[in-house]
Amino acid sequence: MTATPERFDSQKRLGAPVAILAELTHRCPLGCPYCSNPLALDPREDELSTSDWTRVFSQAATLGVLHANLSGGEPAARQDLTDIIAHCANVGLYTNLITSGIGLTQDRVNELARAGLDHAQLSIQDSDAPSADRIAGYKGAFARKLAVAEWITQAGLPLTINAVIHRANIFRAGDMVRLAVKLGARRVEIAHTQYYGWGLTNRAALMPSRTEAEVAIAEVEALKKALAGVIVIDHVIPDYHARYPKACMGGWGKRGLNVTPTGKTLPCHAAETIPDLEFWTVRDRSIEDIWINSPAFNAFRGEDWMREPCRSCPRKTVDYGGCRCQALALTGDAREADPVCHLSPHHDKIAEIAAQSEDAGGVPLYNYRRMKLREPAE
């Protein structure tokens, strides 16, 4: 679709998105209880075709997107993953595969590297194997991930380890950093659970106490200094024990876009939880048109939508009022200040939920995400 002069001017003022998060499929062998995918998962028969995805990536590159993050579900469930990566490389997109590792073989890792894959992010659920397998809901997942990490580095690909922190593994946050070093990762992301999607459903089972969180945060921050020059540690601290909210997605509709397996294009992966937003699809419109003109992308851009205390707050250009999806989940209105902020009139909701975690005990019971992919034969 060719932009009109007005759209071109608007695009220049807005700037191109830096990255596209492509959820190639919701199929996944794991059942992680903190998964950010929606509770209603997109079925295989409704997924975008190979030609749909290659058209999307071509349009994204033309718009000025630099990074293509290939995610899911488990992207290795797509038999056309090699073709998609090769196309991204051909149009000049830096490709990052976000994977559980389950579904990959050594031959396939090498095939993806030859096709032009630039980087791989591998999730781990814990540094303790039995606990990791229980969290993932998949026996043998931890051992498989160790093998996949070795295949990735042997293929010459940079490796990042992703670890989501919650009540079952928070005592081993430092161990997961050390495991990442052992696996040859150049970067590790230690991210405390964000309570969206399945994470919100399992919040009571996942949320650690404030003391547990503070101990883990201190350990990871100390490791940042101790391991400087060895590994880069990205540390995402827990929202519910914070004083100010994060600038979710770097600001609504400012830096990136997310395409679901069926082609809906979202400002963030949880945006579909907000009612009355109109989402456009790549089946009907170009990435450029969606980025500039989509009602969903424009809903919370700028400052006009803000209420007090955000409207007059000096931090409104720092955190943009925080997360719209979290505001909705906790207050019933996406326009409210993120209750994580201590200035929010709804901050007491956060304090109440956080206080409940102080009394949690025993083995957490999870509502597992369910959509299984059978592991391919070697």
Protein backbone atom coordinates (compact mmCIF):
# COMPACT_ATOMS: atom_id res chain seq x y z
CA MET A 1 0.00 0.00 0.00
CA THR A 2 1.46 3.38 -1.01
CA ALA A 3 1.29 6.06 1.66
CA THR A 4 -0.49 9.31 0.86
CA PRO A 5 1.52 12.53 1.50
CA GLU A 6 -0.43 13.05 4.74
CA ARG A 7 0.44 9.57 5.97
CA PHE A 8 4.07 10.04 4.98
CA ASP A 9 4.28 13.25 7.01
CA SER A 10 2.60 11.50 9.93
CA GLN A 11 5.07 8.64 9.66
CA LYS A 12 8.03 11.00 9.79
CA ARG A 13 6.70 12.66 12.93
CA LEU A 14 5.92 9.31 14.52
CA GLY A 15 9.06 7.47 13.46
CA ALA A 16 9.26 3.90 12.27
CA PRO A 17 8.92 1.01 14.72
CA VAL A 18 12.25 -0.47 15.74
CA ALA A 19 11.07 -4.07 15.99
CA ILE A 20 8.29 -6.44 15.09
CA LEU A 21 7.33 -9.29 17.39
CA ALA A 22 5.98 -12.02 15.15
CA GLU A 23 3.99 -14.64 17.02
CA LEU A 24 4.26 -17.29 14.34
CA THR A 25 2.06 -19.75 16.23
CA HIS A 26 0.48 -20.32 19.62
CA ARG A 27 1.35 -24.02 19.47
CA CYS A 28 3.86 -24.95 22.16
CA PRO A 29 4.93 -28.12 23.96
CA LEU A 30 5.24 -26.35 27.31
CA GLY A 31 2.49 -25.28 29.68
CA CYS A 32 4.29 -22.43 31.50
CA PRO A 33 1.87 -20.91 34.02
CA TYR A 34 3.24 -17.38 33.47
CA CYS A 35 2.86 -17.42 29.66
CA SER A 36 1.88 -13.99 28.32
CA ASN A 37 -0.15 -15.45 25.45
CA PRO A 38 -3.93 -14.95 25.68
CA LEU A 39 -6.07 -17.56 27.39
CA ALA A 40 -7.88 -18.16 24.09
CA LEU A 41 -5.05 -19.47 21.90
CA ASP A 42 -5.18 -19.18 18.11
CA PRO A 43 -5.63 -22.59 16.43
CA ARG A 44 -3.23 -23.89 13.79
CA GLU A 45 -5.80 -23.76 10.98
CA ASP A 46 -6.19 -19.98 11.42
CA GLU A 47 -2.47 -19.14 11.32
CA LEU A 48 -1.01 -16.86 8.67
CA SER A 49 0.52 -18.66 5.70
CA THR A 50 4.17 -18.52 4.67
CA SER A 51 3.34 -15.98 1.95
CA ASP A 52 1.42 -13.85 4.46
CA TRP A 53 4.43 -13.72 6.78
CA THR A 54 6.96 -13.00 4.03
CA ARG A 55 4.76 -10.14 2.80
CA VAL A 56 4.55 -8.76 6.35
CA PHE A 57 8.32 -8.88 6.80
CA SER A 58 8.92 -7.22 3.44
CA GLN A 59 6.56 -4.41 4.40
CA ALA A 60 8.19 -4.09 7.82
CA ALA A 61 11.66 -3.75 6.29
CA THR A 62 10.41 -1.11 3.85
CA LEU A 63 8.84 0.82 6.73
CA GLY A 64 12.18 0.90 8.55
CA VAL A 65 11.86 -1.93 11.06
CA LEU A 66 15.29 -3.28 12.04
CA HIS A 67 14.57 -6.34 14.18
CA ALA A 68 12.29 -9.32 13.62
CA ASN A 69 11.66 -11.24 16.84
CA LEU A 70 10.26 -14.65 15.93
CA SER A 71 8.19 -15.97 18.78
CA GLY A 72 5.12 -17.99 19.66
CA GLY A 73 4.11 -20.28 21.29
CA GLU A 74 7.03 -22.23 19.97
CA PRO A 75 8.15 -20.94 16.54
CA ALA A 76 9.88 -24.24 15.78
CA ALA A 77 6.37 -25.71 15.43
CA ARG A 78 6.25 -23.94 12.06
CA GLN A 79 7.64 -26.17 9.33
CA ASP A 80 8.36 -23.06 7.24
CA LEU A 81 10.55 -21.42 9.90
CA THR A 82 13.69 -21.78 7.78
CA ASP A 83 11.98 -20.12 4.81
CA ILE A 84 10.74 -17.27 7.01
CA ILE A 85 14.22 -16.65 8.43
CA ALA A 86 15.80 -16.75 4.98
CA HIS A 87 13.31 -14.19 3.73
CA CYS A 88 13.94 -11.89 6.70
CA ALA A 89 17.67 -12.07 6.03
CA ASN A 90 17.07 -11.33 2.36
CA VAL A 91 15.14 -8.10 3.15
CA GLY A 92 17.70 -6.97 5.72
CA LEU A 93 15.96 -7.74 9.02
CA TYR A 94 17.98 -8.87 12.03
CA THR A 95 16.34 -12.10 13.18
CA ASN A 96 16.03 -13.22 16.78
CA LEU A 97 14.48 -16.63 17.51
CA ILE A 98 12.68 -16.77 20.87
CA THR A 99 12.37 -20.48 21.64
CA SER A 100 11.74 -23.06 24.32
CA GLY A 101 14.19 -25.30 22.47
CA ILE A 102 11.68 -28.14 22.45
CA GLY A 103 11.07 -29.11 18.85
CA LEU A 104 14.59 -28.25 17.71
CA THR A 105 17.22 -30.77 16.67
CA GLN A 106 20.90 -30.07 16.07
CA ASP A 107 20.41 -30.41 12.32
CA ARG A 108 17.59 -27.91 12.39
CA VAL A 109 19.57 -25.41 14.44
CA ASN A 110 22.35 -25.61 11.87
CA GLU A 111 19.80 -25.21 9.08
CA LEU A 112 18.39 -22.06 10.68
CA ALA A 113 21.89 -20.64 11.11
CA ARG A 114 22.68 -21.27 7.44
CA ALA A 115 19.40 -19.59 6.47
CA GLY A 116 20.59 -16.39 8.14
CA LEU A 117 19.38 -16.52 11.75
CA ASP A 118 21.25 -13.85 13.71
CA HIS A 119 20.50 -14.66 17.34
CA ALA A 120 18.66 -17.13 19.59
CA GLN A 121 16.92 -16.59 22.92
CA LEU A 122 16.38 -19.78 24.88
CA SER A 123 14.04 -19.95 27.87
CA ILE A 124 14.84 -21.84 31.03
CA GLN A 125 12.36 -22.33 33.84
CA ASP A 126 14.82 -22.98 36.69
CA SER A 127 18.40 -24.08 37.35
CA ASP A 128 17.06 -27.15 39.18
CA ALA A 129 15.95 -29.81 36.71
CA PRO A 130 12.93 -31.29 38.56
CA SER A 131 11.61 -27.83 39.37
CA ALA A 132 12.19 -26.62 35.81
CA ASP A 133 10.26 -29.55 34.36
CA ARG A 134 7.40 -29.06 36.80
CA ILE A 135 7.09 -25.36 35.98
CA ALA A 136 7.16 -26.10 32.24
CA GLY A 137 4.71 -28.98 32.60
CA TYR A 138 7.01 -31.08 30.41
CA LYS A 139 9.19 -33.95 31.65
CA GLY A 140 12.72 -33.80 30.30
CA ALA A 141 12.48 -30.18 29.16
CA PHE A 142 15.47 -29.00 31.23
CA ALA A 143 17.86 -31.63 29.84
CA ARG A 144 16.70 -30.85 26.33
CA LYS A 145 17.34 -27.14 26.81
CA LEU A 146 20.92 -27.78 27.89
CA ALA A 147 21.51 -29.68 24.68
CA VAL A 148 19.86 -26.99 22.55
CA ALA A 149 22.02 -24.30 24.16
CA GLU A 150 25.11 -26.26 23.15
CA TRP A 151 23.84 -26.67 19.58
CA ILE A 152 23.16 -22.94 19.32
CA THR A 153 26.64 -21.93 20.40
CA GLN A 154 28.26 -24.64 18.27
CA ALA A 155 26.41 -23.20 15.27
CA GLY A 156 28.13 -19.88 15.97
CA LEU A 157 24.94 -18.08 17.02
CA PRO A 158 24.88 -15.59 19.90
CA LEU A 159 22.82 -16.99 22.76
CA THR A 160 20.60 -15.21 25.27
CA ILE A 161 19.03 -17.08 28.18
CA ASN A 162 15.59 -15.95 29.37
CA ALA A 163 14.50 -16.80 32.90
CA VAL A 164 11.16 -15.78 34.38
CA ILE A 165 11.32 -15.39 38.15
CA HIS A 166 8.49 -16.33 40.52
CA ARG A 167 7.83 -18.02 43.84
CA ALA A 168 9.03 -21.48 42.76
CA ASN A 169 12.47 -20.39 41.55
CA ILE A 170 13.20 -17.01 43.11
CA PHE A 171 15.73 -18.50 45.53
CA ARG A 172 17.81 -19.59 42.52
CA ALA A 173 17.79 -16.35 40.52
CA GLY A 174 21.56 -16.07 40.92
CA ASP A 175 22.02 -19.71 39.98
CA MET A 176 20.20 -19.08 36.71
CA VAL A 177 22.63 -16.28 35.90
CA ARG A 178 25.53 -18.61 36.63
CA LEU A 179 23.92 -21.33 34.51
CA ALA A 180 23.67 -18.88 31.61
CA VAL A 181 27.40 -18.21 31.89
CA LYS A 182 28.11 -21.96 31.92
CA LEU A 183 25.98 -22.41 28.79
CA GLY A 184 28.03 -19.83 26.90
CA ALA A 185 25.34 -17.16 26.74
CA ARG A 186 26.39 -13.61 26.00
CA ARG A 187 23.30 -12.21 27.70
CA VAL A 188 20.76 -13.31 30.28
CA GLU A 189 17.39 -11.77 31.03
CA ILE A 190 16.20 -12.21 34.58
CA ALA A 191 12.60 -11.05 34.44
CA HIS A 192 10.21 -11.22 37.35
CA THR A 193 6.78 -12.44 36.26
CA GLN A 194 4.51 -9.92 34.56
CA TYR A 195 0.89 -10.61 35.44
CA TYR A 196 -0.87 -10.79 32.10
CA GLY A 197 -2.48 -13.71 30.29
CA TRP A 198 -1.73 -16.96 32.06
CA GLY A 199 0.43 -15.09 34.56
CA LEU A 200 -2.60 -13.18 35.80
CA THR A 201 -4.59 -16.41 36.06
CA ASN A 202 -1.80 -17.95 38.17
CA ARG A 203 -0.84 -14.83 40.11
CA ALA A 204 -1.56 -16.28 43.55
CA ALA A 205 0.70 -19.27 42.83
CA LEU A 206 3.46 -17.21 41.23
CA MET A 207 3.92 -14.06 43.29
CA PRO A 208 6.80 -14.12 45.79
CA SER A 209 6.88 -12.13 48.99
CA ARG A 210 8.51 -8.71 49.12
CA THR A 211 11.40 -10.11 51.16
CA GLU A 212 11.99 -12.90 48.65
CA ALA A 213 11.91 -10.39 45.81
CA GLU A 214 14.30 -8.00 47.53
CA VAL A 215 16.83 -10.75 48.24
CA ALA A 216 16.74 -11.93 44.62
CA ILE A 217 17.00 -8.39 43.26
CA ALA A 218 20.04 -7.68 45.43
CA GLU A 219 21.75 -10.90 44.33
CA VAL A 220 21.18 -10.26 40.62
CA GLU A 221 22.30 -6.63 40.90
CA ALA A 222 25.50 -7.78 42.64
CA LEU A 223 26.11 -10.31 39.86
CA LYS A 224 25.72 -7.51 37.31
CA LYS A 225 28.84 -5.92 38.77
CA ALA A 226 30.74 -9.13 39.46
CA LEU A 227 30.18 -10.51 35.95
CA ALA A 228 30.63 -7.29 34.00
CA GLY A 229 32.56 -8.17 30.85
CA VAL A 230 31.54 -11.83 31.16
CA ILE A 231 27.81 -11.63 30.48
CA VAL A 232 25.23 -8.87 30.07
CA ILE A 233 22.44 -9.14 32.64
CA ASP A 234 19.10 -7.54 31.82
CA HIS A 235 17.09 -7.35 35.02
CA VAL A 236 13.34 -6.73 34.96
CA ILE A 237 12.23 -6.13 38.55
CA PRO A 238 8.73 -7.05 39.80
CA ASP A 239 5.98 -4.50 39.23
CA TYR A 240 3.99 -5.17 42.35
CA HIS A 241 6.89 -4.32 44.67
CA ALA A 242 7.93 -1.18 42.76
CA ARG A 243 7.32 2.51 43.51
CA TYR A 244 6.89 3.65 39.90
CA PRO A 245 5.60 1.73 36.87
CA LYS A 246 7.68 0.74 33.87
CA ALA A 247 7.37 2.52 30.55
CA CYS A 248 5.49 -0.41 29.07
CA MET A 249 6.76 -1.21 25.55
CA GLY A 250 8.73 2.05 25.69
CA GLY A 251 5.41 3.87 25.35
CA TRP A 252 2.20 2.73 23.65
CA GLY A 253 2.69 2.49 19.89
CA LYS A 254 6.09 4.18 19.99
CA ARG A 255 8.72 1.50 19.39
CA GLY A 256 7.28 -1.76 18.16
CA LEU A 257 4.33 -3.81 17.03
CA ASN A 258 3.14 -7.34 17.63
CA VAL A 259 1.51 -9.57 15.00
CA THR A 260 -0.51 -12.51 16.32
CA PRO A 261 -0.61 -15.92 14.61
CA THR A 262 -3.85 -14.93 12.86
CA GLY A 263 -2.59 -11.53 11.73
CA LYS A 264 -4.03 -9.12 14.27
CA THR A 265 -1.55 -6.33 14.84
CA LEU A 266 -1.25 -5.06 18.40
CA PRO A 267 0.67 -2.32 20.23
CA CYS A 268 1.59 -4.94 22.85
CA HIS A 269 1.02 -8.64 23.34
CA ALA A 270 -1.74 -8.15 25.95
CA ALA A 271 -3.62 -5.36 24.17
CA GLU A 272 -6.52 -7.62 23.21
CA THR A 273 -7.57 -7.66 26.87
CA ILE A 274 -8.66 -4.02 26.50
CA PRO A 275 -12.28 -3.89 25.31
CA ASP A 276 -13.50 -1.60 22.52
CA LEU A 277 -10.10 -1.28 20.83
CA GLU A 278 -10.23 -1.80 17.07
CA PHE A 279 -7.40 -4.03 15.86
CA TRP A 280 -6.48 -4.13 12.20
CA THR A 281 -5.06 -7.24 10.56
CA VAL A 282 -2.21 -7.75 8.13
CA ARG A 283 -4.57 -9.84 6.02
CA ASP A 284 -6.38 -6.61 5.06
CA ARG A 285 -3.92 -3.75 5.57
CA SER A 286 -0.23 -2.96 5.24
CA ILE A 287 2.08 -2.71 8.22
CA GLU A 288 2.61 0.98 7.42
CA ASP A 289 -1.11 1.72 7.37
CA ILE A 290 -1.62 -0.13 10.66
CA TRP A 291 1.34 1.55 12.35
CA ILE A 292 0.20 5.05 11.43
CA ASN A 293 -3.58 4.85 11.33
CA SER A 294 -4.81 1.89 13.40
CA PRO A 295 -7.33 3.02 16.06
CA ALA A 296 -5.72 0.62 18.55
CA PHE A 297 -2.24 2.08 18.03
CA ASN A 298 -3.53 5.64 18.36
CA ALA A 299 -5.69 4.96 21.41
CA PHE A 300 -2.98 5.74 23.98
CA ARG A 301 -0.35 7.61 21.98
CA GLY A 302 0.62 11.04 23.26
CA GLU A 303 -0.89 12.53 26.41
CA ASP A 304 -4.47 13.49 25.53
CA TRP A 305 -5.88 10.25 26.94
CA MET A 306 -4.23 10.73 30.34
CA ARG A 307 -6.13 11.43 33.54
CA GLU A 308 -4.77 12.80 36.77
CA PRO A 309 -2.40 12.19 38.40
CA CYS A 310 -0.60 11.28 35.13
CA ARG A 311 -1.66 14.39 33.18
CA SER A 312 0.23 16.81 35.44
CA CYS A 313 3.01 14.41 36.51
CA PRO A 314 6.60 15.19 35.39
CA ARG A 315 7.13 11.46 34.83
CA LYS A 316 4.48 11.27 32.11
CA THR A 317 7.20 11.40 29.44
CA VAL A 318 9.26 8.82 31.35
CA ASP A 319 6.80 6.01 32.07
CA TYR A 320 3.79 7.22 30.01
CA GLY A 321 1.43 6.36 32.82
CA GLY A 322 2.67 2.78 32.99
CA CYS A 323 0.93 -0.26 31.53
CA ARG A 324 -2.55 0.14 30.03
CA CYS A 325 -3.31 -3.58 30.31
CA GLN A 326 -2.29 -3.65 33.97
CA ALA A 327 -4.41 -0.56 34.65
CA LEU A 328 -7.38 -2.35 33.11
CA ALA A 329 -6.77 -5.60 34.99
CA LEU A 330 -6.57 -3.87 38.36
CA THR A 331 -8.97 -0.93 38.03
CA GLY A 332 -11.33 -1.93 35.24
CA ASP A 333 -10.31 1.09 33.14
CA ALA A 334 -7.28 1.21 30.83
CA ARG A 335 -7.14 5.02 31.07
CA GLU A 336 -6.31 5.03 34.76
CA ALA A 337 -2.78 5.44 36.09
CA ASP A 338 -1.03 2.11 36.45
CA PRO A 339 -1.77 1.13 40.08
CA VAL A 340 1.88 0.16 40.50
CA CYS A 341 2.59 3.88 40.83
CA HIS A 342 2.45 5.03 44.44
CA LEU A 343 0.66 8.18 43.23
CA SER A 344 -2.22 6.23 41.72
CA PRO A 345 -5.52 6.44 43.61
CA HIS A 346 -5.73 2.68 43.10
CA HIS A 347 -2.29 1.85 44.53
CA ASP A 348 -3.96 0.19 47.51
CA LYS A 349 -5.01 -2.65 45.18
CA ILE A 350 -1.34 -3.43 44.52
CA ALA A 351 -0.50 -3.27 48.21
CA GLU A 352 -3.37 -5.61 49.04
CA ILE A 353 -2.33 -8.19 46.42
CA ALA A 354 1.33 -7.97 47.41
CA ALA A 355 0.40 -8.48 51.06
CA GLN A 356 -1.39 -11.72 50.19
CA SER A 357 1.88 -13.13 48.84
CA GLU A 358 3.43 -12.83 52.30
CA ASP A 359 1.27 -15.71 53.53
CA ALA A 360 1.74 -18.00 50.53
CA GLY A 361 3.30 -21.36 51.24
CA GLY A 362 3.56 -24.93 50.08
CA VAL A 363 3.95 -26.21 46.53
CA PRO A 364 2.16 -23.85 44.13
CA LEU A 365 -0.65 -25.33 42.05
CA TYR A 366 -0.71 -24.08 38.47
CA ASN A 367 -3.33 -23.67 35.82
CA TYR A 368 -1.11 -24.83 32.97
CA ARG A 369 -1.28 -23.38 29.49
CA ARG A 370 -2.44 -26.21 27.22
CA MET A 371 -1.59 -26.59 23.55
CA LYS A 372 0.87 -29.35 22.96
CA LEU A 373 3.42 -29.92 20.18
CA ARG A 374 4.93 -33.38 19.91
CA GLU A 375 8.71 -33.38 19.79
CA PRO A 376 10.08 -34.45 16.39
CA ALA A 377 12.22 -37.55 16.10
CA GLU A 378 15.97 -37.10 15.91
